[in-house]
Amino acid sequence: RFTISREYAKNTVYLQMNSLKPEDT
C-alpha cells in the first residue's frame, strides 16, 4: 500500500500512502 522514494535533487524523501485505513492514523 505504501511506497517510499527519494528525490536527490531536492533532498526529499516521500511516502506515498494508498488505500489508507483507520489503523494508519
mmCIF file of all heavy atoms, coordinates in Angstrom:
data_MODEL
# 
_entry.id   MODEL 
# 
loop_
_atom_site.group_PDB 
_atom_site.id 
_atom_site.type_symbol 
_atom_site.label_atom_id 
_atom_site.label_alt_id 
_atom_site.label_comp_id 
_atom_site.label_asym_id 
_atom_site.label_entity_id 
_atom_site.label_seq_id 
_atom_site.pdbx_PDB_ins_code 
_atom_site.Cartn_x 
_atom_site.Cartn_y 
_atom_site.Cartn_z 
_atom_site.occupancy 
_atom_site.B_iso_or_equiv 
_atom_site.pdbx_formal_charge 
_atom_site.auth_seq_id 
_atom_site.auth_comp_id 
_atom_site.auth_asym_id 
_atom_site.auth_atom_id 
_atom_site.pdbx_PDB_model_num 
ATOM 1   N N   . ARG A 1 1  ? 0.814   -1.214 0.000  1.00 0.00 ? 1  ARG A N   1 
ATOM 2   C CA  . ARG A 1 1  ? 0.000   0.000  0.000  1.00 0.00 ? 1  ARG A CA  1 
ATOM 3   C C   . ARG A 1 1  ? 0.851   1.270  0.000  1.00 0.00 ? 1  ARG A C   1 
ATOM 4   O O   . ARG A 1 1  ? 0.465   2.273  -0.588 1.00 0.00 ? 1  ARG A O   1 
ATOM 5   C CB  . ARG A 1 1  ? -0.929  0.029  1.212  1.00 0.00 ? 1  ARG A CB  1 
ATOM 6   C CG  . ARG A 1 1  ? -1.929  -1.121 1.249  1.00 0.00 ? 1  ARG A CG  1 
ATOM 7   C CD  . ARG A 1 1  ? -2.940  -0.926 2.368  1.00 0.00 ? 1  ARG A CD  1 
ATOM 8   N NE  . ARG A 1 1  ? -2.299  -0.939 3.687  1.00 0.00 ? 1  ARG A NE  1 
ATOM 9   C CZ  . ARG A 1 1  ? -2.358  0.065  4.561  1.00 0.00 ? 1  ARG A CZ  1 
ATOM 10  N NH1 . ARG A 1 1  ? -3.027  1.170  4.259  1.00 0.00 ? 1  ARG A NH1 1 
ATOM 11  N NH2 . ARG A 1 1  ? -1.756  -0.037 5.740  1.00 0.00 ? 1  ARG A NH2 1 
ATOM 12  N N   . PHE A 1 2  ? 1.985   1.222  0.680  1.00 0.00 ? 2  PHE A N   1 
ATOM 13  C CA  . PHE A 1 2  ? 2.858   2.391  0.807  1.00 0.00 ? 2  PHE A CA  1 
ATOM 14  C C   . PHE A 1 2  ? 4.098   2.211  -0.055 1.00 0.00 ? 2  PHE A C   1 
ATOM 15  O O   . PHE A 1 2  ? 4.590   1.090  -0.246 1.00 0.00 ? 2  PHE A O   1 
ATOM 16  C CB  . PHE A 1 2  ? 3.305   2.592  2.256  1.00 0.00 ? 2  PHE A CB  1 
ATOM 17  C CG  . PHE A 1 2  ? 2.217   3.010  3.207  1.00 0.00 ? 2  PHE A CG  1 
ATOM 18  C CD1 . PHE A 1 2  ? 0.881   3.011  2.836  1.00 0.00 ? 2  PHE A CD1 1 
ATOM 19  C CD2 . PHE A 1 2  ? 2.549   3.408  4.495  1.00 0.00 ? 2  PHE A CD2 1 
ATOM 20  C CE1 . PHE A 1 2  ? -0.112  3.398  3.720  1.00 0.00 ? 2  PHE A CE1 1 
ATOM 21  C CE2 . PHE A 1 2  ? 1.569   3.793  5.391  1.00 0.00 ? 2  PHE A CE2 1 
ATOM 22  C CZ  . PHE A 1 2  ? 0.241   3.792  5.012  1.00 0.00 ? 2  PHE A CZ  1 
ATOM 23  N N   . THR A 1 3  ? 4.633   3.325  -0.545 1.00 0.00 ? 3  THR A N   1 
ATOM 24  C CA  . THR A 1 3  ? 5.849   3.315  -1.325 1.00 0.00 ? 3  THR A CA  1 
ATOM 25  C C   . THR A 1 3  ? 6.754   4.448  -0.870 1.00 0.00 ? 3  THR A C   1 
ATOM 26  O O   . THR A 1 3  ? 6.326   5.602  -0.823 1.00 0.00 ? 3  THR A O   1 
ATOM 27  C CB  . THR A 1 3  ? 5.567   3.464  -2.830 1.00 0.00 ? 3  THR A CB  1 
ATOM 28  O OG1 . THR A 1 3  ? 4.701   2.421  -3.272 1.00 0.00 ? 3  THR A OG1 1 
ATOM 29  C CG2 . THR A 1 3  ? 6.869   3.395  -3.622 1.00 0.00 ? 3  THR A CG2 1 
ATOM 30  N N   . ILE A 1 4  ? 7.987   4.122  -0.544 1.00 0.00 ? 4  ILE A N   1 
ATOM 31  C CA  . ILE A 1 4  ? 8.958   5.133  -0.167 1.00 0.00 ? 4  ILE A CA  1 
ATOM 32  C C   . ILE A 1 4  ? 9.879   5.400  -1.354 1.00 0.00 ? 4  ILE A C   1 
ATOM 33  O O   . ILE A 1 4  ? 10.249  4.483  -2.090 1.00 0.00 ? 4  ILE A O   1 
ATOM 34  C CB  . ILE A 1 4  ? 9.764   4.694  1.078  1.00 0.00 ? 4  ILE A CB  1 
ATOM 35  C CG1 . ILE A 1 4  ? 10.654  5.838  1.579  1.00 0.00 ? 4  ILE A CG1 1 
ATOM 36  C CG2 . ILE A 1 4  ? 10.584  3.443  0.797  1.00 0.00 ? 4  ILE A CG2 1 
ATOM 37  C CD1 . ILE A 1 4  ? 11.316  5.548  2.927  1.00 0.00 ? 4  ILE A CD1 1 
ATOM 38  N N   . SER A 1 5  ? 10.230  6.652  -1.547 1.00 0.00 ? 5  SER A N   1 
ATOM 39  C CA  . SER A 1 5  ? 11.117  7.037  -2.630 1.00 0.00 ? 5  SER A CA  1 
ATOM 40  C C   . SER A 1 5  ? 11.880  8.284  -2.222 1.00 0.00 ? 5  SER A C   1 
ATOM 41  O O   . SER A 1 5  ? 11.577  8.904  -1.201 1.00 0.00 ? 5  SER A O   1 
ATOM 42  C CB  . SER A 1 5  ? 10.332  7.281  -3.926 1.00 0.00 ? 5  SER A CB  1 
ATOM 43  O OG  . SER A 1 5  ? 9.410   8.348  -3.765 1.00 0.00 ? 5  SER A OG  1 
ATOM 44  N N   . ARG A 1 6  ? 12.856  8.650  -3.019 1.00 0.00 ? 6  ARG A N   1 
ATOM 45  C CA  . ARG A 1 6  ? 13.613  9.858  -2.711 1.00 0.00 ? 6  ARG A CA  1 
ATOM 46  C C   . ARG A 1 6  ? 13.959  10.599 -3.993 1.00 0.00 ? 6  ARG A C   1 
ATOM 47  O O   . ARG A 1 6  ? 14.120  10.007 -5.063 1.00 0.00 ? 6  ARG A O   1 
ATOM 48  C CB  . ARG A 1 6  ? 14.872  9.526  -1.909 1.00 0.00 ? 6  ARG A CB  1 
ATOM 49  C CG  . ARG A 1 6  ? 15.911  8.696  -2.627 1.00 0.00 ? 6  ARG A CG  1 
ATOM 50  C CD  . ARG A 1 6  ? 16.900  8.076  -1.628 1.00 0.00 ? 6  ARG A CD  1 
ATOM 51  N NE  . ARG A 1 6  ? 17.519  9.074  -0.775 1.00 0.00 ? 6  ARG A NE  1 
ATOM 52  C CZ  . ARG A 1 6  ? 18.158  8.801  0.370  1.00 0.00 ? 6  ARG A CZ  1 
ATOM 53  N NH1 . ARG A 1 6  ? 18.248  7.543  0.793  1.00 0.00 ? 6  ARG A NH1 1 
ATOM 54  N NH2 . ARG A 1 6  ? 18.697  9.775  1.081  1.00 0.00 ? 6  ARG A NH2 1 
ATOM 55  N N   . GLU A 1 7  ? 14.086  11.906 -3.856 1.00 0.00 ? 7  GLU A N   1 
ATOM 56  C CA  . GLU A 1 7  ? 14.447  12.787 -4.950 1.00 0.00 ? 7  GLU A CA  1 
ATOM 57  C C   . GLU A 1 7  ? 15.702  13.532 -4.514 1.00 0.00 ? 7  GLU A C   1 
ATOM 58  O O   . GLU A 1 7  ? 15.637  14.473 -3.726 1.00 0.00 ? 7  GLU A O   1 
ATOM 59  C CB  . GLU A 1 7  ? 13.313  13.751 -5.271 1.00 0.00 ? 7  GLU A CB  1 
ATOM 60  C CG  . GLU A 1 7  ? 13.558  14.609 -6.497 1.00 0.00 ? 7  GLU A CG  1 
ATOM 61  C CD  . GLU A 1 7  ? 12.353  15.457 -6.866 1.00 0.00 ? 7  GLU A CD  1 
ATOM 62  O OE1 . GLU A 1 7  ? 11.321  15.382 -6.179 1.00 0.00 ? 7  GLU A OE1 1 
ATOM 63  O OE2 . GLU A 1 7  ? 12.448  16.197 -7.858 1.00 0.00 ? 7  GLU A OE2 1 
ATOM 64  N N   . TYR A 1 8  ? 16.837  13.107 -5.031 1.00 0.00 ? 8  TYR A N   1 
ATOM 65  C CA  . TYR A 1 8  ? 18.104  13.639 -4.569 1.00 0.00 ? 8  TYR A CA  1 
ATOM 66  C C   . TYR A 1 8  ? 18.269  15.125 -4.852 1.00 0.00 ? 8  TYR A C   1 
ATOM 67  O O   . TYR A 1 8  ? 18.853  15.852 -4.043 1.00 0.00 ? 8  TYR A O   1 
ATOM 68  C CB  . TYR A 1 8  ? 19.257  12.856 -5.200 1.00 0.00 ? 8  TYR A CB  1 
ATOM 69  C CG  . TYR A 1 8  ? 19.409  11.473 -4.639 1.00 0.00 ? 8  TYR A CG  1 
ATOM 70  C CD1 . TYR A 1 8  ? 18.862  10.365 -5.293 1.00 0.00 ? 8  TYR A CD1 1 
ATOM 71  C CD2 . TYR A 1 8  ? 20.083  11.263 -3.440 1.00 0.00 ? 8  TYR A CD2 1 
ATOM 72  C CE1 . TYR A 1 8  ? 18.996  9.095  -4.765 1.00 0.00 ? 8  TYR A CE1 1 
ATOM 73  C CE2 . TYR A 1 8  ? 20.210  9.994  -2.917 1.00 0.00 ? 8  TYR A CE2 1 
ATOM 74  C CZ  . TYR A 1 8  ? 19.665  8.914  -3.579 1.00 0.00 ? 8  TYR A CZ  1 
ATOM 75  O OH  . TYR A 1 8  ? 19.796  7.648  -3.046 1.00 0.00 ? 8  TYR A OH  1 
ATOM 76  N N   . ALA A 1 9  ? 17.779  15.586 -5.984 1.00 0.00 ? 9  ALA A N   1 
ATOM 77  C CA  . ALA A 1 9  ? 17.943  16.983 -6.354 1.00 0.00 ? 9  ALA A CA  1 
ATOM 78  C C   . ALA A 1 9  ? 17.268  17.921 -5.365 1.00 0.00 ? 9  ALA A C   1 
ATOM 79  O O   . ALA A 1 9  ? 17.667  19.075 -5.233 1.00 0.00 ? 9  ALA A O   1 
ATOM 80  C CB  . ALA A 1 9  ? 17.406  17.221 -7.765 1.00 0.00 ? 9  ALA A CB  1 
ATOM 81  N N   . LYS A 1 10 ? 16.250  17.431 -4.675 1.00 0.00 ? 10 LYS A N   1 
ATOM 82  C CA  . LYS A 1 10 ? 15.532  18.253 -3.712 1.00 0.00 ? 10 LYS A CA  1 
ATOM 83  C C   . LYS A 1 10 ? 15.756  17.820 -2.268 1.00 0.00 ? 10 LYS A C   1 
ATOM 84  O O   . LYS A 1 10 ? 15.101  18.336 -1.365 1.00 0.00 ? 10 LYS A O   1 
ATOM 85  C CB  . LYS A 1 10 ? 14.034  18.244 -4.032 1.00 0.00 ? 10 LYS A CB  1 
ATOM 86  C CG  . LYS A 1 10 ? 13.685  18.921 -5.342 1.00 0.00 ? 10 LYS A CG  1 
ATOM 87  C CD  . LYS A 1 10 ? 12.182  19.033 -5.518 1.00 0.00 ? 10 LYS A CD  1 
ATOM 88  C CE  . LYS A 1 10 ? 11.839  19.811 -6.775 1.00 0.00 ? 10 LYS A CE  1 
ATOM 89  N NZ  . LYS A 1 10 ? 10.372  19.970 -6.952 1.00 0.00 ? 10 LYS A NZ  1 
ATOM 90  N N   . ASN A 1 11 ? 16.654  16.881 -2.054 1.00 0.00 ? 11 ASN A N   1 
ATOM 91  C CA  . ASN A 1 11 ? 16.928  16.377 -0.704 1.00 0.00 ? 11 ASN A CA  1 
ATOM 92  C C   . ASN A 1 11 ? 15.639  15.996 0.013  1.00 0.00 ? 11 ASN A C   1 
ATOM 93  O O   . ASN A 1 11 ? 15.423  16.343 1.175  1.00 0.00 ? 11 ASN A O   1 
ATOM 94  C CB  . ASN A 1 11 ? 17.691  17.418 0.123  1.00 0.00 ? 11 ASN A CB  1 
ATOM 95  C CG  . ASN A 1 11 ? 19.112  17.619 -0.350 1.00 0.00 ? 11 ASN A CG  1 
ATOM 96  O OD1 . ASN A 1 11 ? 19.647  16.822 -1.114 1.00 0.00 ? 11 ASN A OD1 1 
ATOM 97  N ND2 . ASN A 1 11 ? 19.736  18.690 0.114  1.00 0.00 ? 11 ASN A ND2 1 
ATOM 98  N N   . THR A 1 12 ? 14.809  15.275 -0.686 1.00 0.00 ? 12 THR A N   1 
ATOM 99  C CA  . THR A 1 12 ? 13.483  14.966 -0.175 1.00 0.00 ? 12 THR A CA  1 
ATOM 100 C C   . THR A 1 12 ? 13.183  13.478 -0.301 1.00 0.00 ? 12 THR A C   1 
ATOM 101 O O   . THR A 1 12 ? 13.493  12.860 -1.327 1.00 0.00 ? 12 THR A O   1 
ATOM 102 C CB  . THR A 1 12 ? 12.413  15.773 -0.918 1.00 0.00 ? 12 THR A CB  1 
ATOM 103 O OG1 . THR A 1 12 ? 12.661  17.174 -0.728 1.00 0.00 ? 12 THR A OG1 1 
ATOM 104 C CG2 . THR A 1 12 ? 11.022  15.447 -0.402 1.00 0.00 ? 12 THR A CG2 1 
ATOM 105 N N   . VAL A 1 13 ? 12.577  12.936 0.730  1.00 0.00 ? 13 VAL A N   1 
ATOM 106 C CA  . VAL A 1 13 ? 12.084  11.569 0.701  1.00 0.00 ? 13 VAL A CA  1 
ATOM 107 C C   . VAL A 1 13 ? 10.570  11.618 0.795  1.00 0.00 ? 13 VAL A C   1 
ATOM 108 O O   . VAL A 1 13 ? 10.008  12.489 1.466  1.00 0.00 ? 13 VAL A O   1 
ATOM 109 C CB  . VAL A 1 13 ? 12.703  10.722 1.835  1.00 0.00 ? 13 VAL A CB  1 
ATOM 110 C CG1 . VAL A 1 13 ? 12.292  11.246 3.199  1.00 0.00 ? 13 VAL A CG1 1 
ATOM 111 C CG2 . VAL A 1 13 ? 12.323  9.257  1.679  1.00 0.00 ? 13 VAL A CG2 1 
ATOM 112 N N   . TYR A 1 14 ? 9.913   10.698 0.115  1.00 0.00 ? 14 TYR A N   1 
ATOM 113 C CA  . TYR A 1 14 ? 8.462   10.674 0.053  1.00 0.00 ? 14 TYR A CA  1 
ATOM 114 C C   . TYR A 1 14 ? 7.921   9.367  0.598  1.00 0.00 ? 14 TYR A C   1 
ATOM 115 O O   . TYR A 1 14 ? 8.591   8.336  0.586  1.00 0.00 ? 14 TYR A O   1 
ATOM 116 C CB  . TYR A 1 14 ? 7.973   10.838 -1.388 1.00 0.00 ? 14 TYR A CB  1 
ATOM 117 C CG  . TYR A 1 14 ? 8.472   12.081 -2.071 1.00 0.00 ? 14 TYR A CG  1 
ATOM 118 C CD1 . TYR A 1 14 ? 9.573   12.034 -2.916 1.00 0.00 ? 14 TYR A CD1 1 
ATOM 119 C CD2 . TYR A 1 14 ? 7.839   13.303 -1.885 1.00 0.00 ? 14 TYR A CD2 1 
ATOM 120 C CE1 . TYR A 1 14 ? 10.033  13.174 -3.552 1.00 0.00 ? 14 TYR A CE1 1 
ATOM 121 C CE2 . TYR A 1 14 ? 8.285   14.442 -2.513 1.00 0.00 ? 14 TYR A CE2 1 
ATOM 122 C CZ  . TYR A 1 14 ? 9.386   14.378 -3.347 1.00 0.00 ? 14 TYR A CZ  1 
ATOM 123 O OH  . TYR A 1 14 ? 9.833   15.513 -3.980 1.00 0.00 ? 14 TYR A OH  1 
ATOM 124 N N   . LEU A 1 15 ? 6.699   9.434  1.056  1.00 0.00 ? 15 LEU A N   1 
ATOM 125 C CA  . LEU A 1 15 ? 5.960   8.246  1.421  1.00 0.00 ? 15 LEU A CA  1 
ATOM 126 C C   . LEU A 1 15 ? 4.589   8.335  0.777  1.00 0.00 ? 15 LEU A C   1 
ATOM 127 O O   . LEU A 1 15 ? 3.736   9.111  1.220  1.00 0.00 ? 15 LEU A O   1 
ATOM 128 C CB  . LEU A 1 15 ? 5.825   8.101  2.940  1.00 0.00 ? 15 LEU A CB  1 
ATOM 129 C CG  . LEU A 1 15 ? 5.161   6.811  3.413  1.00 0.00 ? 15 LEU A CG  1 
ATOM 130 C CD1 . LEU A 1 15 ? 6.055   5.610  3.119  1.00 0.00 ? 15 LEU A CD1 1 
ATOM 131 C CD2 . LEU A 1 15 ? 4.836   6.881  4.900  1.00 0.00 ? 15 LEU A CD2 1 
ATOM 132 N N   . GLN A 1 16 ? 4.408   7.581  -0.287 1.00 0.00 ? 16 GLN A N   1 
ATOM 133 C CA  . GLN A 1 16 ? 3.115   7.516  -0.952 1.00 0.00 ? 16 GLN A CA  1 
ATOM 134 C C   . GLN A 1 16 ? 2.261   6.490  -0.240 1.00 0.00 ? 16 GLN A C   1 
ATOM 135 O O   . GLN A 1 16 ? 2.637   5.323  -0.141 1.00 0.00 ? 16 GLN A O   1 
ATOM 136 C CB  . GLN A 1 16 ? 3.288   7.140  -2.423 1.00 0.00 ? 16 GLN A CB  1 
ATOM 137 C CG  . GLN A 1 16 ? 1.980   6.988  -3.190 1.00 0.00 ? 16 GLN A CG  1 
ATOM 138 C CD  . GLN A 1 16 ? 1.241   8.292  -3.338 1.00 0.00 ? 16 GLN A CD  1 
ATOM 139 O OE1 . GLN A 1 16 ? 1.843   9.310  -3.678 1.00 0.00 ? 16 GLN A OE1 1 
ATOM 140 N NE2 . GLN A 1 16 ? -0.055  8.274  -3.084 1.00 0.00 ? 16 GLN A NE2 1 
ATOM 141 N N   . MET A 1 17 ? 1.119   6.915  0.245  1.00 0.00 ? 17 MET A N   1 
ATOM 142 C CA  . MET A 1 17 ? 0.237   6.057  1.024  1.00 0.00 ? 17 MET A CA  1 
ATOM 143 C C   . MET A 1 17 ? -1.080  5.896  0.281  1.00 0.00 ? 17 MET A C   1 
ATOM 144 O O   . MET A 1 17 ? -1.810  6.866  0.084  1.00 0.00 ? 17 MET A O   1 
ATOM 145 C CB  . MET A 1 17 ? 0.000   6.640  2.421  1.00 0.00 ? 17 MET A CB  1 
ATOM 146 C CG  . MET A 1 17 ? 1.280   6.924  3.192  1.00 0.00 ? 17 MET A CG  1 
ATOM 147 S SD  . MET A 1 17 ? 0.961   7.493  4.876  1.00 0.00 ? 17 MET A SD  1 
ATOM 148 C CE  . MET A 1 17 ? 0.138   9.051  4.538  1.00 0.00 ? 17 MET A CE  1 
ATOM 149 N N   . ASN A 1 18 ? -1.365  4.685  -0.127 1.00 0.00 ? 18 ASN A N   1 
ATOM 150 C CA  . ASN A 1 18 ? -2.600  4.369  -0.826 1.00 0.00 ? 18 ASN A CA  1 
ATOM 151 C C   . ASN A 1 18 ? -3.465  3.448  0.021  1.00 0.00 ? 18 ASN A C   1 
ATOM 152 O O   . ASN A 1 18 ? -2.989  2.789  0.941  1.00 0.00 ? 18 ASN A O   1 
ATOM 153 C CB  . ASN A 1 18 ? -2.300  3.702  -2.169 1.00 0.00 ? 18 ASN A CB  1 
ATOM 154 C CG  . ASN A 1 18 ? -1.528  4.588  -3.119 1.00 0.00 ? 18 ASN A CG  1 
ATOM 155 O OD1 . ASN A 1 18 ? -1.692  5.808  -3.125 1.00 0.00 ? 18 ASN A OD1 1 
ATOM 156 N ND2 . ASN A 1 18 ? -0.683  3.974  -3.942 1.00 0.00 ? 18 ASN A ND2 1 
ATOM 157 N N   . SER A 1 19 ? -4.731  3.402  -0.317 1.00 0.00 ? 19 SER A N   1 
ATOM 158 C CA  . SER A 1 19 ? -5.679  2.520  0.378  1.00 0.00 ? 19 SER A CA  1 
ATOM 159 C C   . SER A 1 19 ? -5.582  2.678  1.885  1.00 0.00 ? 19 SER A C   1 
ATOM 160 O O   . SER A 1 19 ? -5.485  1.703  2.631  1.00 0.00 ? 19 SER A O   1 
ATOM 161 C CB  . SER A 1 19 ? -5.436  1.067  -0.025 1.00 0.00 ? 19 SER A CB  1 
ATOM 162 O OG  . SER A 1 19 ? -5.575  0.895  -1.419 1.00 0.00 ? 19 SER A OG  1 
ATOM 163 N N   . LEU A 1 20 ? -5.624  3.902  2.329  1.00 0.00 ? 20 LEU A N   1 
ATOM 164 C CA  . LEU A 1 20 ? -5.450  4.183  3.747  1.00 0.00 ? 20 LEU A CA  1 
ATOM 165 C C   . LEU A 1 20 ? -6.573  3.582  4.580  1.00 0.00 ? 20 LEU A C   1 
ATOM 166 O O   . LEU A 1 20 ? -7.727  3.537  4.159  1.00 0.00 ? 20 LEU A O   1 
ATOM 167 C CB  . LEU A 1 20 ? -5.369  5.685  3.981  1.00 0.00 ? 20 LEU A CB  1 
ATOM 168 C CG  . LEU A 1 20 ? -4.021  6.308  3.612  1.00 0.00 ? 20 LEU A CG  1 
ATOM 169 C CD1 . LEU A 1 20 ? -4.142  7.817  3.472  1.00 0.00 ? 20 LEU A CD1 1 
ATOM 170 C CD2 . LEU A 1 20 ? -2.973  5.947  4.663  1.00 0.00 ? 20 LEU A CD2 1 
ATOM 171 N N   . LYS A 1 21 ? -6.203  3.129  5.761  1.00 0.00 ? 21 LYS A N   1 
ATOM 172 C CA  . LYS A 1 21 ? -7.120  2.521  6.702  1.00 0.00 ? 21 LYS A CA  1 
ATOM 173 C C   . LYS A 1 21 ? -7.129  3.323  7.999  1.00 0.00 ? 21 LYS A C   1 
ATOM 174 O O   . LYS A 1 21 ? -6.156  4.005  8.314  1.00 0.00 ? 21 LYS A O   1 
ATOM 175 C CB  . LYS A 1 21 ? -6.689  1.081  7.009  1.00 0.00 ? 21 LYS A CB  1 
ATOM 176 C CG  . LYS A 1 21 ? -6.501  0.203  5.792  1.00 0.00 ? 21 LYS A CG  1 
ATOM 177 C CD  . LYS A 1 21 ? -5.935  -1.146 6.203  1.00 0.00 ? 21 LYS A CD  1 
ATOM 178 C CE  . LYS A 1 21 ? -5.706  -2.045 5.006  1.00 0.00 ? 21 LYS A CE  1 
ATOM 179 N NZ  . LYS A 1 21 ? -5.131  -3.353 5.412  1.00 0.00 ? 21 LYS A NZ  1 
ATOM 180 N N   . PRO A 1 22 ? -8.208  3.231  8.766  1.00 0.00 ? 22 PRO A N   1 
ATOM 181 C CA  . PRO A 1 22 ? -8.220  3.930  10.060 1.00 0.00 ? 22 PRO A CA  1 
ATOM 182 C C   . PRO A 1 22 ? -7.044  3.561  10.951 1.00 0.00 ? 22 PRO A C   1 
ATOM 183 O O   . PRO A 1 22 ? -6.559  4.407  11.710 1.00 0.00 ? 22 PRO A O   1 
ATOM 184 C CB  . PRO A 1 22 ? -9.551  3.478  10.677 1.00 0.00 ? 22 PRO A CB  1 
ATOM 185 C CG  . PRO A 1 22 ? -10.435 3.236  9.502  1.00 0.00 ? 22 PRO A CG  1 
ATOM 186 C CD  . PRO A 1 22 ? -9.524  2.638  8.460  1.00 0.00 ? 22 PRO A CD  1 
ATOM 187 N N   . GLU A 1 23 ? -6.571  2.347  10.860 1.00 0.00 ? 23 GLU A N   1 
ATOM 188 C CA  . GLU A 1 23 ? -5.439  1.912  11.667 1.00 0.00 ? 23 GLU A CA  1 
ATOM 189 C C   . GLU A 1 23 ? -4.136  2.594  11.271 1.00 0.00 ? 23 GLU A C   1 
ATOM 190 O O   . GLU A 1 23 ? -3.138  2.474  11.980 1.00 0.00 ? 23 GLU A O   1 
ATOM 191 C CB  . GLU A 1 23 ? -5.274  0.394  11.583 1.00 0.00 ? 23 GLU A CB  1 
ATOM 192 C CG  . GLU A 1 23 ? -4.936  -0.109 10.189 1.00 0.00 ? 23 GLU A CG  1 
ATOM 193 C CD  . GLU A 1 23 ? -5.114  -1.614 10.043 1.00 0.00 ? 23 GLU A CD  1 
ATOM 194 O OE1 . GLU A 1 23 ? -6.236  -2.096 10.299 1.00 0.00 ? 23 GLU A OE1 1 
ATOM 195 O OE2 . GLU A 1 23 ? -4.140  -2.299 9.691  1.00 0.00 ? 23 GLU A OE2 1 
ATOM 196 N N   . ASP A 1 24 ? -4.126  3.302  10.139 1.00 0.00 ? 24 ASP A N   1 
ATOM 197 C CA  . ASP A 1 24 ? -2.951  4.065  9.732  1.00 0.00 ? 24 ASP A CA  1 
ATOM 198 C C   . ASP A 1 24 ? -2.870  5.415  10.428 1.00 0.00 ? 24 ASP A C   1 
ATOM 199 O O   . ASP A 1 24 ? -1.872  6.124  10.273 1.00 0.00 ? 24 ASP A O   1 
ATOM 200 C CB  . ASP A 1 24 ? -2.950  4.288  8.222  1.00 0.00 ? 24 ASP A CB  1 
ATOM 201 C CG  . ASP A 1 24 ? -2.814  2.996  7.438  1.00 0.00 ? 24 ASP A CG  1 
ATOM 202 O OD1 . ASP A 1 24 ? -2.020  2.125  7.848  1.00 0.00 ? 24 ASP A OD1 1 
ATOM 203 O OD2 . ASP A 1 24 ? -3.507  2.856  6.406  1.00 0.00 ? 24 ASP A OD2 1 
ATOM 204 N N   . THR A 1 25 ? -3.899  5.785  11.160 1.00 0.00 ? 25 THR A N   1 
ATOM 205 C CA  . THR A 1 25 ? -3.915  7.067  11.858 1.00 0.00 ? 25 THR A CA  1 
ATOM 206 C C   . THR A 1 25 ? -2.763  7.137  12.856 1.00 0.00 ? 25 THR A C   1 
ATOM 207 O O   . THR A 1 25 ? -2.625  6.283  13.732 1.00 0.00 ? 25 THR A O   1 
ATOM 208 C CB  . THR A 1 25 ? -5.245  7.272  12.581 1.00 0.00 ? 25 THR A CB  1 
ATOM 209 O OG1 . THR A 1 25 ? -6.303  7.342  11.618 1.00 0.00 ? 25 THR A OG1 1 
ATOM 210 C CG2 . THR A 1 25 ? -5.235  8.553  13.392 1.00 0.00 ? 25 THR A CG2 1 
# 
